[in-house]
């Protein structure tokens, strides 16, 4: 679940990179400014954007909190078979 959240975050950050400016810096071989342009995109806090996107899709703003509040994990634990003691281990 957290992997999916981080993928969404990275995708949103990639979308806000100023691609035209990045291309211009690459053409003139300005590595420092190209790196700064990428870094600015990938260090921008996109939490509010992601929250709004989730609201628009009818999803939870905080997926982890929603998962914990749902009790799904506890319900799955109840459905698992009990531990079976089949022996003493290494013989």
C-alpha atoms as a PDB file:
ATOM      1  CA  UNK A   1       0.000   0.000   0.000  1.00  0.00           C
ATOM      2  CA  UNK A   2       2.738   2.463   0.880  1.00  0.00           C
ATOM      3  CA  UNK A   3       4.548   1.526  -2.331  1.00  0.00           C
ATOM      4  CA  UNK A   4       1.491   2.571  -4.345  1.00  0.00           C
ATOM      5  CA  UNK A   5       1.284   5.833  -2.400  1.00  0.00           C
ATOM      6  CA  UNK A   6       4.955   6.576  -3.095  1.00  0.00           C
ATOM      7  CA  UNK A   7       4.505   5.758  -6.785  1.00  0.00           C
ATOM      8  CA  UNK A   8       1.638   8.241  -6.971  1.00  0.00           C
ATOM      9  CA  UNK A   9       3.795  10.846  -5.227  1.00  0.00           C
ATOM     10  CA  UNK A  10       6.734  10.314  -7.603  1.00  0.00           C
ATOM     11  CA  UNK A  11       4.437  10.447 -10.640  1.00  0.00           C
ATOM     12  CA  UNK A  12       2.887  13.730  -9.492  1.00  0.00           C
ATOM     13  CA  UNK A  13       6.327  15.191  -8.861  1.00  0.00           C
ATOM     14  CA  UNK A  14       7.536  14.054 -12.284  1.00  0.00           C
ATOM     15  CA  UNK A  15       4.565  15.781 -13.898  1.00  0.00           C
ATOM     16  CA  UNK A  16       5.486  19.146 -12.383  1.00  0.00           C
ATOM     17  CA  UNK A  17       9.081  19.147 -13.641  1.00  0.00           C
ATOM     18  CA  UNK A  18       9.512  22.106 -15.990  1.00  0.00           C
ATOM     19  CA  UNK A  19      10.307  20.049 -19.068  1.00  0.00           C
ATOM     20  CA  UNK A  20      10.820  22.955 -21.487  1.00  0.00           C
ATOM     21  CA  UNK A  21      13.309  24.585 -19.149  1.00  0.00           C
ATOM     22  CA  UNK A  22      15.004  21.223 -18.513  1.00  0.00           C
ATOM     23  CA  UNK A  23      15.350  20.693 -22.260  1.00  0.00           C
ATOM     24  CA  UNK A  24      16.841  24.175 -22.698  1.00  0.00           C
ATOM     25  CA  UNK A  25      19.453  23.469 -20.022  1.00  0.00           C
ATOM     26  CA  UNK A  26      20.301  20.154 -21.639  1.00  0.00           C
ATOM     27  CA  UNK A  27      20.783  21.815 -25.046  1.00  0.00           C
ATOM     28  CA  UNK A  28      23.321  24.295 -23.637  1.00  0.00           C
ATOM     29  CA  UNK A  29      24.889  21.556 -21.484  1.00  0.00           C
ATOM     30  CA  UNK A  30      24.114  23.334 -18.202  1.00  0.00           C
ATOM     31  CA  UNK A  31      24.209  20.300 -15.943  1.00  0.00           C
ATOM     32  CA  UNK A  32      23.877  22.261 -12.723  1.00  0.00           C
ATOM     33  CA  UNK A  33      20.652  24.027 -13.741  1.00  0.00           C
ATOM     34  CA  UNK A  34      19.223  20.849 -15.260  1.00  0.00           C
ATOM     35  CA  UNK A  35      19.833  19.034 -11.984  1.00  0.00           C
ATOM     36  CA  UNK A  36      18.293  21.911 -10.015  1.00  0.00           C
ATOM     37  CA  UNK A  37      15.216  21.847 -12.248  1.00  0.00           C
ATOM     38  CA  UNK A  38      14.749  18.119 -11.672  1.00  0.00           C
ATOM     39  CA  UNK A  39      15.398  18.460  -7.963  1.00  0.00           C
ATOM     40  CA  UNK A  40      12.852  21.265  -7.637  1.00  0.00           C
ATOM     41  CA  UNK A  41      10.199  19.034  -9.184  1.00  0.00           C
ATOM     42  CA  UNK A  42      11.017  16.036  -7.049  1.00  0.00           C
ATOM     43  CA  UNK A  43      11.271  17.928  -3.754  1.00  0.00           C
ATOM     44  CA  UNK A  44       7.970  19.744  -4.175  1.00  0.00           C
ATOM     45  CA  UNK A  45       5.358  18.692  -1.623  1.00  0.00           C
ATOM     46  CA  UNK A  46       2.483  17.247  -3.635  1.00  0.00           C
ATOM     47  CA  UNK A  47       0.479  15.939  -0.662  1.00  0.00           C
ATOM     48  CA  UNK A  48      -2.373  18.407  -1.192  1.00  0.00           C
ATOM     49  CA  UNK A  49      -2.585  17.552  -4.893  1.00  0.00           C
ATOM     50  CA  UNK A  50      -2.721  13.830  -4.111  1.00  0.00           C
ATOM     51  CA  UNK A  51      -5.347  14.357  -1.413  1.00  0.00           C
ATOM     52  CA  UNK A  52      -7.521  16.340  -3.822  1.00  0.00           C
ATOM     53  CA  UNK A  53      -7.153  13.678  -6.516  1.00  0.00           C
ATOM     54  CA  UNK A  54      -8.224  11.000  -4.046  1.00  0.00           C
ATOM     55  CA  UNK A  55     -11.260  13.040  -2.967  1.00  0.00           C
ATOM     56  CA  UNK A  56     -12.303  13.508  -6.589  1.00  0.00           C
ATOM     57  CA  UNK A  57     -12.122   9.740  -7.123  1.00  0.00           C
ATOM     58  CA  UNK A  58     -14.115   9.042  -3.969  1.00  0.00           C
ATOM     59  CA  UNK A  59     -11.124   7.464  -2.255  1.00  0.00           C
ATOM     60  CA  UNK A  60      -9.745   8.049   1.218  1.00  0.00           C
ATOM     61  CA  UNK A  61      -7.482  11.060   1.642  1.00  0.00           C
ATOM     62  CA  UNK A  62      -5.211   8.949   3.861  1.00  0.00           C
ATOM     63  CA  UNK A  63      -5.288   5.359   2.553  1.00  0.00           C
ATOM     64  CA  UNK A  64      -3.267   3.929   5.449  1.00  0.00           C
ATOM     65  CA  UNK A  65      -5.554   5.488   8.071  1.00  0.00           C
ATOM     66  CA  UNK A  66      -8.613   4.231   6.182  1.00  0.00           C
ATOM     67  CA  UNK A  67      -7.145   0.726   6.010  1.00  0.00           C
ATOM     68  CA  UNK A  68      -6.423   0.702   9.742  1.00  0.00           C
ATOM     69  CA  UNK A  69      -9.854   2.080  10.609  1.00  0.00           C
ATOM     70  CA  UNK A  70     -11.589  -0.532   8.448  1.00  0.00           C
ATOM     71  CA  UNK A  71     -10.551  -3.433  10.665  1.00  0.00           C
ATOM     72  CA  UNK A  72      -9.680  -5.444   7.552  1.00  0.00           C
ATOM     73  CA  UNK A  73      -6.399  -6.739   8.994  1.00  0.00           C
ATOM     74  CA  UNK A  74      -8.067  -8.047  12.164  1.00  0.00           C
ATOM     75  CA  UNK A  75     -10.817  -9.705  10.107  1.00  0.00           C
ATOM     76  CA  UNK A  76      -8.252 -11.469   7.929  1.00  0.00           C
ATOM     77  CA  UNK A  77      -6.355 -12.628  11.023  1.00  0.00           C
ATOM     78  CA  UNK A  78      -9.538 -14.272  12.331  1.00  0.00           C
ATOM     79  CA  UNK A  79     -10.010 -16.140   9.060  1.00  0.00           C
ATOM     80  CA  UNK A  80      -6.487 -17.591   9.034  1.00  0.00           C
ATOM     81  CA  UNK A  81      -6.124 -21.174  10.158  1.00  0.00           C
ATOM     82  CA  UNK A  82      -4.638 -21.678  13.601  1.00  0.00           C
ATOM     83  CA  UNK A  83      -1.057 -22.677  14.179  1.00  0.00           C
ATOM     84  CA  UNK A  84      -0.448 -26.396  13.863  1.00  0.00           C
ATOM     85  CA  UNK A  85       2.230 -28.075  15.930  1.00  0.00           C
ATOM     86  CA  UNK A  86       3.540 -30.841  13.698  1.00  0.00           C
ATOM     87  CA  UNK A  87       6.711 -31.762  15.474  1.00  0.00           C
ATOM     88  CA  UNK A  88       9.793 -30.619  17.290  1.00  0.00           C
ATOM     89  CA  UNK A  89      11.626 -29.063  14.391  1.00  0.00           C
ATOM     90  CA  UNK A  90      15.046 -30.329  13.382  1.00  0.00           C
ATOM     91  CA  UNK A  91      15.590 -33.993  14.198  1.00  0.00           C
END
